[in-house]
Amino acid sequence: IVDRTLGTVRGSPDIISRGFIYLRESQELLLGARKKVRETIENHAGKHPTNWPYVKDEIRENLGKFFFERTLRRPMVLPVIIEV
């Protein structure tokens, strides 16, 4: 969830895994992924109007690289951004 006026992430990004990693065993990996999502969104904060399709593509690319570097697997990444 992203604050529309500030362009910052509200709360912690949710990450859902289906068949890629076990969430309970990969908390450190998920913390790193959440940090990567926050950094990507906040790099575009304050740019009006925000090009959300570009930000989603950048999240997909950054998380894909992040997960491949750590797991040597390529998950499907589907970013969903909700503005409030």
N, C-alpha and C. Protein backbone atom coordinates (compact mmCIF):
# COMPACT_ATOMS: atom_id res chain seq x y z
N ILE A 1 0.86 -1.17 0.00
CA ILE A 1 0.00 0.00 0.00
C ILE A 1 0.90 1.23 0.00
N VAL A 2 0.60 2.17 -0.91
CA VAL A 2 1.43 3.36 -1.07
C VAL A 2 0.59 4.60 -0.79
N ASP A 3 1.15 5.52 -0.02
CA ASP A 3 0.51 6.81 0.24
C ASP A 3 0.55 7.64 -1.03
N ARG A 4 -0.60 8.00 -1.55
CA ARG A 4 -0.70 8.70 -2.83
C ARG A 4 0.00 10.05 -2.81
N THR A 5 -0.10 10.80 -1.72
CA THR A 5 0.47 12.14 -1.68
C THR A 5 1.98 12.14 -1.48
N LEU A 6 2.47 11.24 -0.64
CA LEU A 6 3.90 11.20 -0.34
C LEU A 6 4.69 10.21 -1.21
N GLY A 7 4.00 9.21 -1.73
CA GLY A 7 4.68 8.19 -2.52
C GLY A 7 5.48 7.21 -1.69
N THR A 8 5.16 7.13 -0.40
CA THR A 8 5.89 6.22 0.49
C THR A 8 5.04 4.99 0.79
N VAL A 9 5.72 3.93 1.16
CA VAL A 9 5.05 2.67 1.48
C VAL A 9 4.48 2.75 2.89
N ARG A 10 3.21 2.41 3.03
CA ARG A 10 2.57 2.37 4.34
C ARG A 10 2.65 0.93 4.85
N GLY A 11 3.23 0.77 6.01
CA GLY A 11 3.35 -0.58 6.58
C GLY A 11 4.43 -1.37 5.87
N SER A 12 4.32 -2.66 5.97
CA SER A 12 5.30 -3.56 5.36
C SER A 12 4.69 -4.20 4.11
N PRO A 13 5.45 -4.25 3.01
CA PRO A 13 4.92 -4.90 1.80
C PRO A 13 4.60 -6.37 2.08
N ASP A 14 3.47 -6.83 1.56
CA ASP A 14 3.08 -8.23 1.71
C ASP A 14 3.73 -9.05 0.61
N ILE A 15 4.27 -10.20 0.98
CA ILE A 15 4.85 -11.11 0.00
C ILE A 15 4.18 -12.46 0.20
N ILE A 16 3.61 -12.98 -0.88
CA ILE A 16 2.92 -14.26 -0.84
C ILE A 16 3.71 -15.23 -1.71
N SER A 17 4.01 -16.40 -1.18
CA SER A 17 4.77 -17.38 -1.92
C SER A 17 3.94 -18.65 -2.11
N ARG A 18 3.88 -19.10 -3.34
CA ARG A 18 3.19 -20.34 -3.66
C ARG A 18 4.17 -21.26 -4.38
N GLY A 19 4.73 -22.22 -3.67
CA GLY A 19 5.60 -23.21 -4.28
C GLY A 19 7.02 -22.74 -4.57
N PHE A 20 7.41 -21.59 -4.07
CA PHE A 20 8.77 -21.10 -4.31
C PHE A 20 9.66 -21.32 -3.11
N ILE A 21 9.26 -20.79 -1.97
CA ILE A 21 10.00 -20.97 -0.72
C ILE A 21 8.99 -21.22 0.40
N TYR A 22 9.47 -21.81 1.48
CA TYR A 22 8.65 -21.97 2.67
C TYR A 22 8.78 -20.69 3.49
N LEU A 23 7.68 -20.02 3.71
CA LEU A 23 7.71 -18.73 4.39
C LEU A 23 8.30 -18.81 5.79
N ARG A 24 7.98 -19.86 6.51
CA ARG A 24 8.46 -19.97 7.89
C ARG A 24 9.97 -20.18 7.96
N GLU A 25 10.55 -20.80 6.95
CA GLU A 25 11.98 -21.09 6.96
C GLU A 25 12.80 -20.00 6.28
N SER A 26 12.17 -19.00 5.70
CA SER A 26 12.88 -18.01 4.88
C SER A 26 12.61 -16.59 5.33
N GLN A 27 12.53 -16.36 6.62
CA GLN A 27 12.21 -15.02 7.12
C GLN A 27 13.26 -13.98 6.73
N GLU A 28 14.53 -14.35 6.78
CA GLU A 28 15.59 -13.41 6.42
C GLU A 28 15.50 -13.02 4.94
N LEU A 29 15.23 -13.99 4.09
CA LEU A 29 15.07 -13.73 2.66
C LEU A 29 13.88 -12.80 2.42
N LEU A 30 12.79 -13.01 3.12
CA LEU A 30 11.61 -12.17 2.96
C LEU A 30 11.84 -10.75 3.47
N LEU A 31 12.59 -10.61 4.55
CA LEU A 31 12.92 -9.26 5.04
C LEU A 31 13.72 -8.49 3.99
N GLY A 32 14.67 -9.16 3.36
CA GLY A 32 15.46 -8.54 2.30
C GLY A 32 14.60 -8.16 1.11
N ALA A 33 13.64 -9.01 0.77
CA ALA A 33 12.75 -8.74 -0.36
C ALA A 33 11.85 -7.54 -0.05
N ARG A 34 11.34 -7.47 1.16
CA ARG A 34 10.52 -6.32 1.55
C ARG A 34 11.31 -5.02 1.48
N LYS A 35 12.56 -5.09 1.92
CA LYS A 35 13.43 -3.91 1.87
C LYS A 35 13.65 -3.48 0.42
N LYS A 36 13.85 -4.44 -0.46
CA LYS A 36 14.08 -4.15 -1.87
C LYS A 36 12.85 -3.48 -2.49
N VAL A 37 11.65 -3.94 -2.14
CA VAL A 37 10.41 -3.34 -2.65
C VAL A 37 10.28 -1.91 -2.15
N ARG A 38 10.52 -1.70 -0.86
CA ARG A 38 10.45 -0.34 -0.29
C ARG A 38 11.41 0.61 -1.00
N GLU A 39 12.65 0.17 -1.18
CA GLU A 39 13.66 1.02 -1.83
C GLU A 39 13.23 1.38 -3.25
N THR A 40 12.72 0.42 -3.97
CA THR A 40 12.31 0.65 -5.36
C THR A 40 11.18 1.67 -5.42
N ILE A 41 10.18 1.52 -4.57
CA ILE A 41 9.06 2.47 -4.58
C ILE A 41 9.50 3.84 -4.12
N GLU A 42 10.29 3.90 -3.06
CA GLU A 42 10.69 5.20 -2.52
C GLU A 42 11.67 5.94 -3.42
N ASN A 43 12.34 5.22 -4.33
CA ASN A 43 13.18 5.91 -5.33
C ASN A 43 12.34 6.73 -6.27
N HIS A 44 11.06 6.40 -6.39
CA HIS A 44 10.16 7.12 -7.28
C HIS A 44 9.21 8.04 -6.50
N ALA A 45 9.40 8.14 -5.19
CA ALA A 45 8.51 8.95 -4.36
C ALA A 45 8.65 10.43 -4.73
N GLY A 46 7.53 11.11 -4.74
CA GLY A 46 7.54 12.54 -4.99
C GLY A 46 7.52 12.92 -6.46
N LYS A 47 7.63 11.97 -7.35
CA LYS A 47 7.56 12.25 -8.78
C LYS A 47 6.09 12.21 -9.19
N HIS A 48 5.57 13.35 -9.60
CA HIS A 48 4.15 13.42 -9.95
C HIS A 48 4.00 13.74 -11.42
N PRO A 49 3.19 13.07 -12.17
CA PRO A 49 2.49 11.86 -11.74
C PRO A 49 3.43 10.66 -11.76
N THR A 50 3.21 9.74 -10.86
CA THR A 50 4.05 8.54 -10.77
C THR A 50 3.64 7.56 -11.87
N ASN A 51 4.63 7.04 -12.56
CA ASN A 51 4.40 6.06 -13.62
C ASN A 51 4.37 4.67 -12.99
N TRP A 52 3.20 4.26 -12.50
CA TRP A 52 3.08 3.00 -11.76
C TRP A 52 3.41 1.77 -12.60
N PRO A 53 3.06 1.70 -13.88
CA PRO A 53 3.49 0.53 -14.66
C PRO A 53 5.02 0.38 -14.70
N TYR A 54 5.73 1.50 -14.80
CA TYR A 54 7.19 1.45 -14.79
C TYR A 54 7.71 0.97 -13.43
N VAL A 55 7.11 1.47 -12.35
CA VAL A 55 7.53 1.08 -11.00
C VAL A 55 7.29 -0.41 -10.80
N LYS A 56 6.14 -0.92 -11.27
CA LYS A 56 5.86 -2.36 -11.16
C LYS A 56 6.89 -3.19 -11.92
N ASP A 57 7.25 -2.74 -13.13
CA ASP A 57 8.27 -3.46 -13.90
C ASP A 57 9.61 -3.46 -13.18
N GLU A 58 9.95 -2.32 -12.58
CA GLU A 58 11.22 -2.23 -11.85
C GLU A 58 11.21 -3.13 -10.61
N ILE A 59 10.08 -3.20 -9.91
CA ILE A 59 9.95 -4.11 -8.75
C ILE A 59 10.13 -5.55 -9.23
N ARG A 60 9.46 -5.90 -10.31
CA ARG A 60 9.55 -7.26 -10.85
C ARG A 60 11.01 -7.61 -11.19
N GLU A 61 11.70 -6.68 -11.83
CA GLU A 61 13.09 -6.93 -12.22
C GLU A 61 14.01 -7.02 -11.00
N ASN A 62 13.87 -6.06 -10.08
CA ASN A 62 14.74 -6.04 -8.89
C ASN A 62 14.53 -7.26 -8.00
N LEU A 63 13.26 -7.64 -7.78
CA LEU A 63 13.00 -8.83 -6.95
C LEU A 63 13.45 -10.10 -7.66
N GLY A 64 13.27 -10.16 -8.97
CA GLY A 64 13.72 -11.32 -9.73
C GLY A 64 15.21 -11.54 -9.57
N LYS A 65 15.98 -10.46 -9.70
CA LYS A 65 17.44 -10.54 -9.53
C LYS A 65 17.80 -10.92 -8.09
N PHE A 66 17.11 -10.28 -7.14
CA PHE A 66 17.36 -10.54 -5.72
C PHE A 66 17.16 -12.01 -5.38
N PHE A 67 16.01 -12.57 -5.81
CA PHE A 67 15.73 -13.97 -5.51
C PHE A 67 16.67 -14.91 -6.25
N PHE A 68 17.03 -14.60 -7.48
CA PHE A 68 17.93 -15.48 -8.22
C PHE A 68 19.32 -15.51 -7.57
N GLU A 69 19.80 -14.35 -7.13
CA GLU A 69 21.12 -14.30 -6.48
C GLU A 69 21.16 -15.16 -5.22
N ARG A 70 20.05 -15.25 -4.52
CA ARG A 70 20.03 -15.97 -3.23
C ARG A 70 19.55 -17.40 -3.31
N THR A 71 18.73 -17.73 -4.32
CA THR A 71 18.16 -19.08 -4.37
C THR A 71 18.50 -19.84 -5.65
N LEU A 72 19.03 -19.14 -6.66
CA LEU A 72 19.30 -19.71 -7.98
C LEU A 72 18.02 -20.24 -8.62
N ARG A 73 16.90 -19.61 -8.28
CA ARG A 73 15.60 -19.93 -8.87
C ARG A 73 14.97 -18.64 -9.35
N ARG A 74 14.09 -18.75 -10.35
CA ARG A 74 13.43 -17.57 -10.93
C ARG A 74 11.92 -17.66 -10.69
N PRO A 75 11.45 -17.01 -9.63
CA PRO A 75 10.02 -17.05 -9.35
C PRO A 75 9.25 -16.07 -10.24
N MET A 76 7.97 -16.29 -10.36
CA MET A 76 7.11 -15.33 -11.03
C MET A 76 6.79 -14.25 -10.00
N VAL A 77 7.05 -12.99 -10.36
CA VAL A 77 6.81 -11.87 -9.45
C VAL A 77 5.66 -11.05 -10.02
N LEU A 78 4.60 -10.89 -9.24
CA LEU A 78 3.43 -10.13 -9.66
C LEU A 78 3.20 -8.98 -8.68
N PRO A 79 3.76 -7.80 -8.95
CA PRO A 79 3.57 -6.67 -8.04
C PRO A 79 2.15 -6.11 -8.14
N VAL A 80 1.59 -5.79 -6.99
CA VAL A 80 0.29 -5.13 -6.92
C VAL A 80 0.49 -3.90 -6.03
N ILE A 81 0.22 -2.72 -6.58
CA ILE A 81 0.38 -1.48 -5.84
C ILE A 81 -1.01 -0.88 -5.63
N ILE A 82 -1.32 -0.58 -4.38
CA ILE A 82 -2.59 0.03 -4.03
C ILE A 82 -2.31 1.42 -3.47
N GLU A 83 -2.87 2.44 -4.11
CA GLU A 83 -2.69 3.81 -3.63
C GLU A 83 -3.84 4.19 -2.70
N VAL A 84 -3.50 4.82 -1.58
CA VAL A 84 -4.53 5.31 -0.67
C VAL A 84 -4.27 6.77 -0.34
